[in-house]
Protein backbone atom coordinates (compact mmCIF):
# COMPACT_ATOMS: atom_id res chain seq x y z
CA UNK A 1 0.00 0.00 0.00
CA UNK A 2 0.92 3.65 -0.37
CA UNK A 3 0.36 6.27 2.32
CA UNK A 4 -0.04 9.91 1.33
CA UNK A 5 0.40 13.11 3.34
CA UNK A 6 -0.42 16.54 1.90
CA UNK A 7 1.01 19.87 2.98
CA UNK A 8 1.17 23.46 1.83
CA UNK A 9 -2.41 24.63 2.16
CA UNK A 10 -3.37 27.93 3.73
CA UNK A 11 -5.01 31.29 3.30
CA UNK A 12 -4.04 33.45 0.33
CA UNK A 13 -5.47 36.50 -1.37
CA UNK A 14 -6.92 36.30 -4.86
CA UNK A 15 -4.14 36.47 -7.41
CA UNK A 16 -1.67 34.84 -5.07
CA UNK A 17 0.12 31.51 -5.25
CA UNK A 18 0.46 28.36 -3.19
CA UNK A 19 2.45 25.17 -3.67
CA UNK A 20 0.94 21.95 -2.41
CA UNK A 21 3.04 18.87 -1.76
CA UNK A 22 2.12 15.23 -1.37
CA UNK A 23 4.63 12.84 0.20
CA UNK A 24 4.16 9.16 -0.56
CA UNK A 25 5.48 6.28 1.54
CA UNK A 26 5.15 2.53 1.18
CA UNK A 27 5.42 0.62 -2.03
CA UNK A 28 3.56 -0.99 -4.86
CA UNK A 29 4.85 -3.33 -7.53
CA UNK A 30 3.47 -1.25 -10.39
CA UNK A 31 3.89 2.41 -11.36
CA UNK A 32 1.02 4.61 -10.33
CA UNK A 33 -0.68 7.77 -11.51
CA UNK A 34 -0.90 10.67 -9.07
CA UNK A 35 -3.93 12.90 -8.97
CA UNK A 36 -4.95 16.06 -7.14
CA UNK A 37 -8.63 16.36 -6.32
CA UNK A 38 -10.50 19.11 -4.55
CA UNK A 39 -13.81 19.43 -2.78
CA UNK A 40 -15.40 22.78 -2.08
CA UNK A 41 -18.05 23.18 0.64
CA UNK A 42 -21.37 21.79 -0.55
CA UNK A 43 -19.93 20.53 -3.80
CA UNK A 44 -18.79 17.19 -5.18
CA UNK A 45 -15.14 16.26 -5.31
CA UNK A 46 -13.54 17.05 -8.64
CA UNK A 47 -10.34 16.04 -10.37
CA UNK A 48 -7.96 18.98 -10.76
CA UNK A 49 -4.76 17.55 -12.19
CA UNK A 50 -3.16 14.23 -13.11
CA UNK A 51 0.38 13.09 -13.75
CA UNK A 52 1.32 9.60 -14.89
CA UNK A 53 4.44 7.74 -13.83
CA UNK A 54 5.95 8.82 -17.15
CA UNK A 55 5.19 12.48 -16.58
CA UNK A 56 2.15 12.95 -18.81
CA UNK A 57 -0.12 15.61 -17.32
CA UNK A 58 -3.75 16.58 -17.64
CA UNK A 59 -5.74 19.41 -16.06
CA UNK A 60 -9.26 20.49 -15.37
CA UNK A 61 -10.13 23.21 -17.88
CA UNK A 62 -10.65 25.90 -15.25
CA UNK A 63 -7.09 25.54 -13.90
CA UNK A 64 -5.20 25.19 -17.18
CA UNK A 65 -2.49 27.82 -17.44
CA UNK A 66 -2.65 28.53 -13.69
CA UNK A 67 -1.83 25.19 -12.03
CA UNK A 68 1.14 22.92 -12.67
CA UNK A 69 1.48 19.37 -11.42
CA UNK A 70 4.90 17.77 -11.10
CA UNK A 71 6.39 14.70 -9.51
CA UNK A 72 9.79 13.64 -8.22
CA UNK A 73 9.83 9.85 -8.43
CA UNK A 74 13.16 9.63 -6.60
CA UNK A 75 11.69 11.49 -3.61
CA UNK A 76 8.18 10.02 -3.96
CA UNK A 77 6.62 13.46 -3.93
CA UNK A 78 4.08 15.26 -6.08
CA UNK A 79 3.55 18.99 -6.16
CA UNK A 80 0.77 21.25 -7.32
CA UNK A 81 1.89 24.79 -8.05
CA UNK A 82 -1.14 27.05 -8.01
CA UNK A 83 -0.84 30.57 -9.41
CA UNK A 84 -3.36 33.33 -10.02
CA UNK A 85 -5.64 31.82 -7.43
CA UNK A 86 -9.31 32.71 -7.42
CA UNK A 87 -11.91 32.55 -4.65
CA UNK A 88 -13.55 29.67 -6.51
CA UNK A 89 -10.36 27.63 -5.99
CA UNK A 90 -11.20 27.46 -2.29
CA UNK A 91 -11.47 23.79 -1.33
CA UNK A 92 -9.88 20.89 0.48
CA UNK A 93 -7.22 19.50 -1.85
CA UNK A 94 -6.38 15.81 -1.64
CA UNK A 95 -3.80 13.73 -3.43
CA UNK A 96 -4.52 10.27 -4.74
CA UNK A 97 -2.30 7.44 -5.97
CA UNK A 98 -3.87 4.93 -8.30
CA UNK A 99 -3.05 1.84 -10.35
CA UNK A 100 -4.81 -1.48 -10.77
CA UNK A 101 -3.66 -2.56 -7.30
CA UNK A 102 -4.09 0.59 -5.20
CA UNK A 103 -6.36 3.59 -4.73
CA UNK A 104 -4.79 5.55 -1.88
CA UNK A 105 -5.85 8.93 -0.52
CA UNK A 106 -4.36 11.54 1.74
CA UNK A 107 -6.42 13.40 4.33
CA UNK A 108 -6.31 16.66 2.43
CA UNK A 109 -5.13 20.20 2.96
CA UNK A 110 -7.36 23.27 3.03
CA UNK A 111 -6.82 26.08 0.55
CA UNK A 112 -8.73 29.30 1.16
CA UNK A 113 -8.60 32.14 -1.35
CA UNK A 114 -9.96 35.45 -0.14
CA UNK A 115 -11.36 38.07 -2.50
């Protein structure tokens, strides 16, 4: 199994930046895709960004050009650089590791963007 711990959330003004990190521990026999999800109050969880073990990325349309996902396989970490933040980006952000054997989640980190 893989255990995930997020960090880097906080309060920021609109237009500001934050960098989220997700540290993975444990092991799995197969490479896994890393995802960042978010859930705003009263809303369903949504996929924000994805990065495969080979570095292929994909983003939710509303964050394209503002967010960048990256991973350091040697350090088992994934980052989400968030720029030009908007109040509608306010949510709990969670990282997820997935392959055919695992579907692991962190507890999440809160990002609050004030207007």
